[in-house]
PDB file of N, CA and C in Angstrom:
ATOM      1  N   MET A   1     106.435 240.896 154.436  1.00  0.00           N
ATOM      2  CA  MET A   1     107.791 241.050 153.971  1.00  0.00           C
ATOM      3  C   MET A   1     107.823 241.228 152.452  1.00  0.00           C
ATOM      4  N   LEU A   2     106.901 240.585 151.759  1.00  0.00           N
ATOM      5  CA  LEU A   2     106.831 240.720 150.311  1.00  0.00           C
ATOM      6  C   LEU A   2     106.493 242.156 149.916  1.00  0.00           C
ATOM      7  N   LEU A   3     105.644 242.801 150.710  1.00  0.00           N
ATOM      8  CA  LEU A   3     105.257 244.181 150.422  1.00  0.00           C
ATOM      9  C   LEU A   3     106.474 245.111 150.493  1.00  0.00           C
ATOM     10  N   LYS A   4     107.290 244.943 151.499  1.00  0.00           N
ATOM     11  CA  LYS A   4     108.493 245.778 151.636  1.00  0.00           C
ATOM     12  C   LYS A   4     109.478 245.510 150.500  1.00  0.00           C
ATOM     13  N   PHE A   5     109.593 244.251 150.098  1.00  0.00           N
ATOM     14  CA  PHE A   5     110.461 243.905 148.983  1.00  0.00           C
ATOM     15  C   PHE A   5     109.979 244.576 147.697  1.00  0.00           C
ATOM     16  N   LEU A   6     108.672 244.554 147.455  1.00  0.00           N
ATOM     17  CA  LEU A   6     108.118 245.197 146.262  1.00  0.00           C
ATOM     18  C   LEU A   6     108.340 246.706 146.284  1.00  0.00           C
ATOM     19  N   ILE A   7     108.242 247.313 147.461  1.00  0.00           N
ATOM     20  CA  ILE A   7     108.472 248.754 147.582  1.00  0.00           C
ATOM     21  C   ILE A   7     109.924 249.085 147.251  1.00  0.00           C
ATOM     22  N   VAL A   8     110.857 248.282 147.737  1.00  0.00           N
ATOM     23  CA  VAL A   8     112.278 248.521 147.443  1.00  0.00           C
ATOM     24  C   VAL A   8     112.552 248.332 145.949  1.00  0.00           C
ATOM     25  N   VAL A   9     111.950 247.301 145.339  1.00  0.00           N
ATOM     26  CA  VAL A   9     112.140 247.065 143.909  1.00  0.00           C
ATOM     27  C   VAL A   9     111.590 248.235 143.096  1.00  0.00           C
ATOM     28  N   LEU A  10     110.432 248.751 143.480  1.00  0.00           N
ATOM     29  CA  LEU A  10     109.862 249.899 142.762  1.00  0.00           C
ATOM     30  C   LEU A  10     110.730 251.144 142.923  1.00  0.00           C
ATOM     31  N   LEU A  11     111.283 251.353 144.112  1.00  0.00           N
ATOM     32  CA  LEU A  11     112.181 252.497 144.306  1.00  0.00           C
ATOM     33  C   LEU A  11     113.430 252.376 143.440  1.00  0.00           C
ATOM     34  N   LEU A  12     113.987 251.172 143.362  1.00  0.00           N
ATOM     35  CA  LEU A  12     115.150 250.975 142.495  1.00  0.00           C
ATOM     36  C   LEU A  12     114.777 251.168 141.029  1.00  0.00           C
ATOM     37  N   GLY A  13     113.597 250.707 140.639  1.00  0.00           N
ATOM     38  CA  GLY A  13     113.126 250.928 139.278  1.00  0.00           C
ATOM     39  C   GLY A  13     112.952 252.400 138.966  1.00  0.00           C
ATOM     40  N   LEU A  14     112.479 253.162 139.943  1.00  0.00           N
ATOM     41  CA  LEU A  14     112.354 254.608 139.751  1.00  0.00           C
ATOM     42  C   LEU A  14     113.719 255.260 139.533  1.00  0.00           C
ATOM     43  N   LEU A  15     114.705 254.826 140.301  1.00  0.00           N
ATOM     44  CA  LEU A  15     116.048 255.388 140.131  1.00  0.00           C
ATOM     45  C   LEU A  15     116.634 255.035 138.768  1.00  0.00           C
ATOM     46  N   VAL A  16     116.429 253.802 138.323  1.00  0.00           N
ATOM     47  CA  VAL A  16     116.923 253.403 137.008  1.00  0.00           C
ATOM     48  C   VAL A  16     116.222 254.203 135.918  1.00  0.00           C
ATOM     49  N   SER A  17     114.914 254.383 136.050  1.00  0.00           N
ATOM     50  CA  SER A  17     114.167 255.148 135.057  1.00  0.00           C
ATOM     51  C   SER A  17     114.599 256.613 135.037  1.00  0.00           C
ATOM     52  N   LEU A  18     114.887 257.148 136.212  1.00  0.00           N
ATOM     53  CA  LEU A  18     115.368 258.523 136.285  1.00  0.00           C
ATOM     54  C   LEU A  18     116.736 258.659 135.614  1.00  0.00           C
ATOM     55  N   GLY A  19     117.612 257.707 135.862  1.00  0.00           N
ATOM     56  CA  GLY A  19     118.929 257.726 135.231  1.00  0.00           C
ATOM     57  C   GLY A  19     118.847 257.563 133.717  1.00  0.00           C
ATOM     58  N   SER A  20     117.977 256.665 133.256  1.00  0.00           N
ATOM     59  CA  SER A  20     117.850 256.478 131.808  1.00  0.00           C
ATOM     60  C   SER A  20     117.234 257.720 131.153  1.00  0.00           C
ATOM     61  N   GLY A  21     116.309 258.374 131.850  1.00  0.00           N
ATOM     62  CA  GLY A  21     115.743 259.608 131.325  1.00  0.00           C
ATOM     63  C   GLY A  21     116.793 260.690 131.178  1.00  0.00           C
ATOM     64  N   PHE A  22     117.677 260.796 132.160  1.00  0.00           N
ATOM     65  CA  PHE A  22     118.760 261.776 132.069  1.00  0.00           C
ATOM     66  C   PHE A  22     119.709 261.433 130.922  1.00  0.00           C
ATOM     67  N   TYR A  23     120.010 260.152 130.773  1.00  0.00           N
ATOM     68  CA  TYR A  23     120.878 259.714 129.680  1.00  0.00           C
ATOM     69  C   TYR A  23     120.247 260.048 128.322  1.00  0.00           C
ATOM     70  N   PHE A  24     118.963 259.739 128.167  1.00  0.00           N
ATOM     71  CA  PHE A  24     118.281 260.030 126.905  1.00  0.00           C
ATOM     72  C   PHE A  24     118.214 261.528 126.637  1.00  0.00           C
ATOM     73  N   LEU A  25     118.048 262.313 127.696  1.00  0.00           N
ATOM     74  CA  LEU A  25     118.016 263.759 127.544  1.00  0.00           C
ATOM     75  C   LEU A  25     119.349 264.280 127.018  1.00  0.00           C
ATOM     76  N   MET A  26     120.440 263.744 127.534  1.00  0.00           N
ATOM     77  CA  MET A  26     121.757 264.202 127.107  1.00  0.00           C
ATOM     78  C   MET A  26     122.129 263.682 125.715  1.00  0.00           C
ATOM     79  N   MET A  27     121.733 262.484 125.379  1.00  0.00           N
ATOM     80  CA  MET A  27     122.136 261.880 124.110  1.00  0.00           C
ATOM     81  C   MET A  27     121.273 262.340 122.930  1.00  0.00           C
ATOM     82  N   ASP A  28     120.004 262.539 123.145  1.00  0.00           N
ATOM     83  CA  ASP A  28     119.109 262.891 122.028  1.00  0.00           C
ATOM     84  C   ASP A  28     119.227 264.359 121.639  1.00  0.00           C
ATOM     85  N   ARG A  29     119.538 265.234 122.567  1.00  0.00           N
ATOM     86  CA  ARG A  29     119.748 266.669 122.325  1.00  0.00           C
ATOM     87  C   ARG A  29     118.608 267.320 121.546  1.00  0.00           C
ATOM     88  N   GLY A  30     117.384 267.018 121.948  1.00  0.00           N
ATOM     89  CA  GLY A  30     116.241 267.680 121.331  1.00  0.00           C
ATOM     90  C   GLY A  30     115.818 267.121 119.999  1.00  0.00           C
ATOM     91  N   ASP A  31     116.269 265.929 119.666  1.00  0.00           N
ATOM     92  CA  ASP A  31     115.869 265.294 118.407  1.00  0.00           C
ATOM     93  C   ASP A  31     114.392 264.916 118.523  1.00  0.00           C
ATOM     94  N   GLY A  32     113.561 265.521 117.689  1.00  0.00           N
ATOM     95  CA  GLY A  32     112.115 265.317 117.764  1.00  0.00           C
ATOM     96  C   GLY A  32     111.651 263.942 117.339  1.00  0.00           C
ATOM     97  N   SER A  33     112.482 263.224 116.584  1.00  0.00           N
ATOM     98  CA  SER A  33     112.059 261.909 116.106  1.00  0.00           C
ATOM     99  C   SER A  33     112.232 260.820 117.166  1.00  0.00           C
ATOM    100  N   LYS A  34     113.063 261.070 118.171  1.00  0.00           N
ATOM    101  CA  LYS A  34     113.290 260.068 119.225  1.00  0.00           C
ATOM    102  C   LYS A  34     112.365 260.350 120.394  1.00  0.00           C
ATOM    103  N   ARG A  35     111.648 259.323 120.825  1.00  0.00           N
ATOM    104  CA  ARG A  35     110.659 259.478 121.893  1.00  0.00           C
ATOM    105  C   ARG A  35     111.097 258.750 123.168  1.00  0.00           C
ATOM    106  N   ARG A  36     112.390 258.474 123.289  1.00  0.00           N
ATOM    107  CA  ARG A  36     112.868 257.686 124.428  1.00  0.00           C
ATOM    108  C   ARG A  36     112.673 258.413 125.756  1.00  0.00           C
ATOM    109  N   LEU A  37     112.875 259.709 125.759  1.00  0.00           N
ATOM    110  CA  LEU A  37     112.698 260.482 126.983  1.00  0.00           C
ATOM    111  C   LEU A  37     111.250 260.455 127.431  1.00  0.00           C
ATOM    112  N   LEU A  38     110.341 260.557 126.498  1.00  0.00           N
ATOM    113  CA  LEU A  38     108.918 260.511 126.820  1.00  0.00           C
ATOM    114  C   LEU A  38     108.520 259.138 127.361  1.00  0.00           C
ATOM    115  N   HIS A  39     109.046 258.096 126.793  1.00  0.00           N
ATOM    116  CA  HIS A  39     108.751 256.743 127.271  1.00  0.00           C
ATOM    117  C   HIS A  39     109.316 256.524 128.668  1.00  0.00           C
ATOM    118  N   SER A  40     110.507 257.058 128.914  1.00  0.00           N
ATOM    119  CA  SER A  40     111.100 256.952 130.242  1.00  0.00           C
ATOM    120  C   SER A  40     110.247 257.678 131.282  1.00  0.00           C
ATOM    121  N   LEU A  41     109.705 258.820 130.899  1.00  0.00           N
ATOM    122  CA  LEU A  41     108.820 259.557 131.799  1.00  0.00           C
ATOM    123  C   LEU A  41     107.548 258.760 132.076  1.00  0.00           C
ATOM    124  N   GLY A  42     107.003 258.118 131.058  1.00  0.00           N
ATOM    125  CA  GLY A  42     105.805 257.303 131.251  1.00  0.00           C
ATOM    126  C   GLY A  42     106.043 256.128 132.177  1.00  0.00           C
ATOM    127  N   VAL A  43     107.198 255.490 132.032  1.00  0.00           N
ATOM    128  CA  VAL A  43     107.551 254.382 132.925  1.00  0.00           C
ATOM    129  C   VAL A  43     107.711 254.887 134.346  1.00  0.00           C
ATOM    130  N   ARG A  44     108.342 256.039 134.516  1.00  0.00           N
ATOM    131  CA  ARG A  44     108.548 256.609 135.850  1.00  0.00           C
ATOM    132  C   ARG A  44     107.225 256.969 136.507  1.00  0.00           C
ATOM    133  N   ILE A  45     106.283 257.497 135.760  1.00  0.00           N
ATOM    134  CA  ILE A  45     104.964 257.834 136.306  1.00  0.00           C
ATOM    135  C   ILE A  45     104.224 256.564 136.719  1.00  0.00           C
ATOM    136  N   ALA A  46     104.306 255.522 135.899  1.00  0.00           N
ATOM    137  CA  ALA A  46     103.644 254.257 136.235  1.00  0.00           C
ATOM    138  C   ALA A  46     104.255 253.636 137.488  1.00  0.00           C
ATOM    139  N   LEU A  47     105.576 253.663 137.599  1.00  0.00           N
ATOM    140  CA  LEU A  47     106.231 253.108 138.784  1.00  0.00           C
ATOM    141  C   LEU A  47     105.885 253.902 140.039  1.00  0.00           C
ATOM    142  N   ALA A  48     105.859 255.222 139.925  1.00  0.00           N
ATOM    143  CA  ALA A  48     105.546 256.061 141.086  1.00  0.00           C
ATOM    144  C   ALA A  48     104.106 255.868 141.546  1.00  0.00           C
ATOM    145  N   SER A  49     103.175 255.763 140.615  1.00  0.00           N
ATOM    146  CA  SER A  49     101.784 255.563 141.013  1.00  0.00           C
ATOM    147  C   SER A  49     101.579 254.177 141.624  1.00  0.00           C
ATOM    148  N   THR A  50     102.276 253.167 141.100  1.00  0.00           N
ATOM    149  CA  THR A  50     102.202 251.835 141.698  1.00  0.00           C
ATOM    150  C   THR A  50     102.798 251.840 143.100  1.00  0.00           C
ATOM    151  N   LEU A  51     103.884 252.561 143.272  1.00  0.00           N
ATOM    152  CA  LEU A  51     104.506 252.673 144.590  1.00  0.00           C
ATOM    153  C   LEU A  51     103.567 253.341 145.589  1.00  0.00           C
ATOM    154  N   MET A  52     102.909 254.414 145.173  1.00  0.00           N
ATOM    155  CA  MET A  52     101.965 255.086 146.070  1.00  0.00           C
ATOM    156  C   MET A  52     100.806 254.172 146.445  1.00  0.00           C
ATOM    157  N   LEU A  53     100.295 253.430 145.474  1.00  0.00           N
ATOM    158  CA  LEU A  53      99.199 252.504 145.765  1.00  0.00           C
ATOM    159  C   LEU A  53      99.639 251.404 146.728  1.00  0.00           C
ATOM    160  N   LEU A  54     100.846 250.893 146.573  1.00  0.00           N
ATOM    161  CA  LEU A  54     101.340 249.872 147.496  1.00  0.00           C
ATOM    162  C   LEU A  54     101.503 250.413 148.912  1.00  0.00           C
ATOM    163  N   ILE A  55     101.986 251.631 149.027  1.00  0.00           N
ATOM    164  CA  ILE A  55     102.159 252.232 150.353  1.00  0.00           C
ATOM    165  C   ILE A  55     100.800 252.492 150.993  1.00  0.00           C
ATOM    166  N   ILE A  56      99.847 252.985 150.233  1.00  0.00           N
ATOM    167  CA  ILE A  56      98.499 253.217 150.768  1.00  0.00           C
ATOM    168  C   ILE A  56      97.875 251.900 151.215  1.00  0.00           C
ATOM    169  N   TYR A  57      98.041 250.849 150.401  1.00  0.00           N
ATOM    170  CA  TYR A  57      97.517 249.538 150.769  1.00  0.00           C
ATOM    171  C   TYR A  57      98.184 249.025 152.049  1.00  0.00           C
ATOM    172  N   GLY A  58      99.496 249.169 152.145  1.00  0.00           N
ATOM    173  CA  GLY A  58     100.214 248.679 153.313  1.00  0.00           C
ATOM    174  C   GLY A  58      99.816 249.389 154.594  1.00  0.00           C
ATOM    175  N   VAL A  59      99.628 250.685 154.530  1.00  0.00           N
ATOM    176  CA  VAL A  59      99.243 251.443 155.722  1.00  0.00           C
ATOM    177  C   VAL A  59      97.800 251.128 156.116  1.00  0.00           C
ATOM    178  N   SER A  60      96.913 251.053 155.122  1.00  0.00           N
ATOM    179  CA  SER A  60      95.501 250.801 155.446  1.00  0.00           C
ATOM    180  C   SER A  60      95.261 249.376 155.924  1.00  0.00           C
ATOM    181  N   SER A  61      96.060 248.410 155.464  1.00  0.00           N
ATOM    182  CA  SER A  61      95.885 247.033 155.910  1.00  0.00           C
ATOM    183  C   SER A  61      96.650 246.740 157.200  1.00  0.00           C
ATOM    184  N   GLY A  62      97.524 247.636 157.611  1.00  0.00           N
ATOM    185  CA  GLY A  62      98.283 247.440 158.836  1.00  0.00           C
ATOM    186  C   GLY A  62      99.593 246.705 158.636  1.00  0.00           C
ATOM    187  N   LYS A  63      99.959 246.425 157.401  1.00  0.00           N
ATOM    188  CA  LYS A  63     101.221 245.728 157.136  1.00  0.00           C
ATOM    189  C   LYS A  63     102.412 246.667 157.208  1.00  0.00           C
ATOM    190  N   LEU A  64     102.183 247.953 157.037  1.00  0.00           N
ATOM    191  CA  LEU A  64     103.222 248.972 157.193  1.00  0.00           C
ATOM    192  C   LEU A  64     102.827 249.865 158.362  1.00  0.00           C
ATOM    193  N   ARG A  65     103.739 250.009 159.298  1.00  0.00           N
ATOM    194  CA  ARG A  65     103.478 250.869 160.456  1.00  0.00           C
ATOM    195  C   ARG A  65     104.643 251.807 160.666  1.00  0.00           C
ATOM    196  N   SER A  66     104.364 252.899 161.322  1.00  0.00           N
ATOM    197  CA  SER A  66     105.419 253.834 161.669  1.00  0.00           C
ATOM    198  C   SER A  66     106.110 253.333 162.933  1.00  0.00           C
ATOM    199  N   GLN A  67     107.431 253.352 162.914  1.00  0.00           N
ATOM    200  CA  GLN A  67     108.194 252.968 164.090  1.00  0.00           C
ATOM    201  C   GLN A  67     108.988 254.152 164.624  1.00  0.00           C
ATOM    202  N   ALA A  68     108.498 255.344 164.346  1.00  0.00           N
ATOM    203  CA  ALA A  68     109.168 256.547 164.807  1.00  0.00           C
ATOM    204  C   ALA A  68     108.997 256.670 166.327  1.00  0.00           C
ATOM    205  N   PRO A  69     110.008 257.169 167.025  1.00  0.00           N
ATOM    206  CA  PRO A  69     109.922 257.269 168.491  1.00  0.00           C
ATOM    207  C   PRO A  69     108.787 258.168 168.972  1.00  0.00           C
ATOM    208  N   TRP A  70     108.464 259.217 168.224  1.00  0.00           N
ATOM    209  CA  TRP A  70     107.400 260.111 168.669  1.00  0.00           C
ATOM    210  C   TRP A  70     106.025 259.477 168.480  1.00  0.00           C
ATOM    211  N   GLU A  71     105.906 258.477 167.631  1.00  0.00           N
ATOM    212  CA  GLU A  71     104.644 257.763 167.480  1.00  0.00           C
ATOM    213  C   GLU A  71     104.449 256.756 168.606  1.00  0.00           C
ATOM    214  N   GLN A  72     105.506 256.237 169.182  1.00  0.00           N
ATOM    215  CA  GLN A  72     105.418 255.242 170.238  1.00  0.00           C
ATOM    216  C   GLN A  72     104.932 255.852 171.543  1.00  0.00           C
ATOM    217  N   SER A  73     105.181 257.129 171.772  1.00  0.00           N
ATOM    218  CA  SER A  73     104.783 257.750 173.036  1.00  0.00           C
ATOM    219  C   SER A  73     103.277 257.953 173.133  1.00  0.00           C
ATOM    220  N   ARG A  74     102.569 257.912 172.024  1.00  0.00           N
ATOM    221  CA  ARG A  74     101.119 258.100 172.050  1.00  0.00           C
ATOM    222  C   ARG A  74     100.383 256.872 172.571  1.00  0.00           C
ATOM    223  N   VAL A  75     100.976 255.710 172.393  1.00  0.00           N
ATOM    224  CA  VAL A  75     100.340 254.474 172.832  1.00  0.00           C
ATOM    225  C   VAL A  75     100.849 254.123 174.215  1.00  0.00           C
ATOM    226  N   VAL A  76      99.953 254.133 175.201  1.00  0.00           N
ATOM    227  CA  VAL A  76     100.330 253.809 176.564  1.00  0.00           C
ATOM    228  C   VAL A  76      99.836 252.402 176.857  1.00  0.00           C
ATOM    229  N   PRO A  77     100.741 251.477 177.170  1.00  0.00           N
ATOM    230  CA  PRO A  77     100.292 250.119 177.473  1.00  0.00           C
ATOM    231  C   PRO A  77      99.477 250.083 178.758  1.00  0.00           C
ATOM    232  N   ALA A  78      98.569 249.144 178.853  1.00  0.00           N
ATOM    233  CA  ALA A  78      97.683 249.047 180.016  1.00  0.00           C
ATOM    234  C   ALA A  78      98.463 248.762 181.292  1.00  0.00           C
ATOM    235  N   ALA A  79      99.584 248.071 181.197  1.00  0.00           N
ATOM    236  CA  ALA A  79     100.378 247.750 182.383  1.00  0.00           C
ATOM    237  C   ALA A  79     101.059 248.984 182.961  1.00  0.00           C
ATOM    238  N   ALA A  80     101.219 250.040 182.189  1.00  0.00           N
ATOM    239  CA  ALA A  80     101.892 251.242 182.654  1.00  0.00           C
ATOM    240  C   ALA A  80     100.945 252.155 183.452  1.00  0.00           C
ATOM    241  N   VAL A  81      99.657 251.923 183.406  1.00  0.00           N
ATOM    242  CA  VAL A  81      98.691 252.759 184.111  1.00  0.00           C
ATOM    243  C   VAL A  81      98.622 252.279 185.553  1.00  0.00           C
ATOM    244  N   PRO A  82      98.949 253.140 186.533  1.00  0.00           N
ATOM    245  CA  PRO A  82      98.874 252.723 187.934  1.00  0.00           C
ATOM    246  C   PRO A  82      97.436 252.474 188.363  1.00  0.00           C
ATOM    247  N   GLU A  83      97.264 251.578 189.316  1.00  0.00           N
ATOM    248  CA  GLU A  83      95.923 251.229 189.779  1.00  0.00           C
ATOM    249  C   GLU A  83      95.253 252.406 190.500  1.00  0.00           C
ATOM    250  N   ALA A  84      96.021 253.229 191.197  1.00  0.00           N
ATOM    251  CA  ALA A  84      95.443 254.369 191.894  1.00  0.00           C
ATOM    252  C   ALA A  84      94.805 255.339 190.925  1.00  0.00           C
ATOM    253  N   ALA A  85      95.414 255.550 189.785  1.00  0.00           N
ATOM    254  CA  ALA A  85      94.864 256.477 188.796  1.00  0.00           C
ATOM    255  C   ALA A  85      93.604 255.880 188.171  1.00  0.00           C
ATOM    256  N   ALA A  86      93.545 254.572 188.061  1.00  0.00           N
ATOM    257  CA  ALA A  86      92.397 253.931 187.453  1.00  0.00           C
ATOM    258  C   ALA A  86      91.196 253.942 188.390  1.00  0.00           C
ATOM    259  N   THR A  87      91.406 253.989 189.696  1.00  0.00           N
ATOM    260  CA  THR A  87      90.296 253.946 190.649  1.00  0.00           C
ATOM    261  C   THR A  87      89.945 255.316 191.213  1.00  0.00           C
ATOM    262  N   ASP A  88      90.596 256.390 190.781  1.00  0.00           N
ATOM    263  CA  ASP A  88      90.310 257.734 191.276  1.00  0.00           C
ATOM    264  C   ASP A  88      88.885 258.151 190.978  1.00  0.00           C
ATOM    265  N   GLY A  89      88.356 257.767 189.871  1.00  0.00           N
ATOM    266  CA  GLY A  89      87.013 258.162 189.500  1.00  0.00           C
ATOM    267  C   GLY A  89      85.928 257.471 190.300  1.00  0.00           C
ATOM    268  N   GLU A  90      86.258 256.397 191.023  1.00  0.00           N
ATOM    269  CA  GLU A  90      85.265 255.632 191.773  1.00  0.00           C
ATOM    270  C   GLU A  90      85.111 256.128 193.199  1.00  0.00           C
ATOM    271  N   LYS A  91      85.963 257.011 193.709  1.00  0.00           N
ATOM    272  CA  LYS A  91      85.901 257.479 195.097  1.00  0.00           C
ATOM    273  C   LYS A  91      84.785 258.420 195.330  1.00  0.00           C
TER     274      LYS A  91
END
């Protein structure tokens, strides 16, 4: 649950950084002495790379799984396999 919370926090941080970058872009109007837009971009890149690493860690460790309906059809539970189909190869 902590992993999902961290992912949501990073996504919100990305949105805030994106908004601040847009604000700095509009307010600075190409002023070369202000580096706020560049710093906002650096923060956004760091947040995005951390987010990707967390997602990769979650998927590889099994803490994040897909719950899409088309993924569920690939896994057939053992109870769903009829006994006749299981013994056909032994005849």
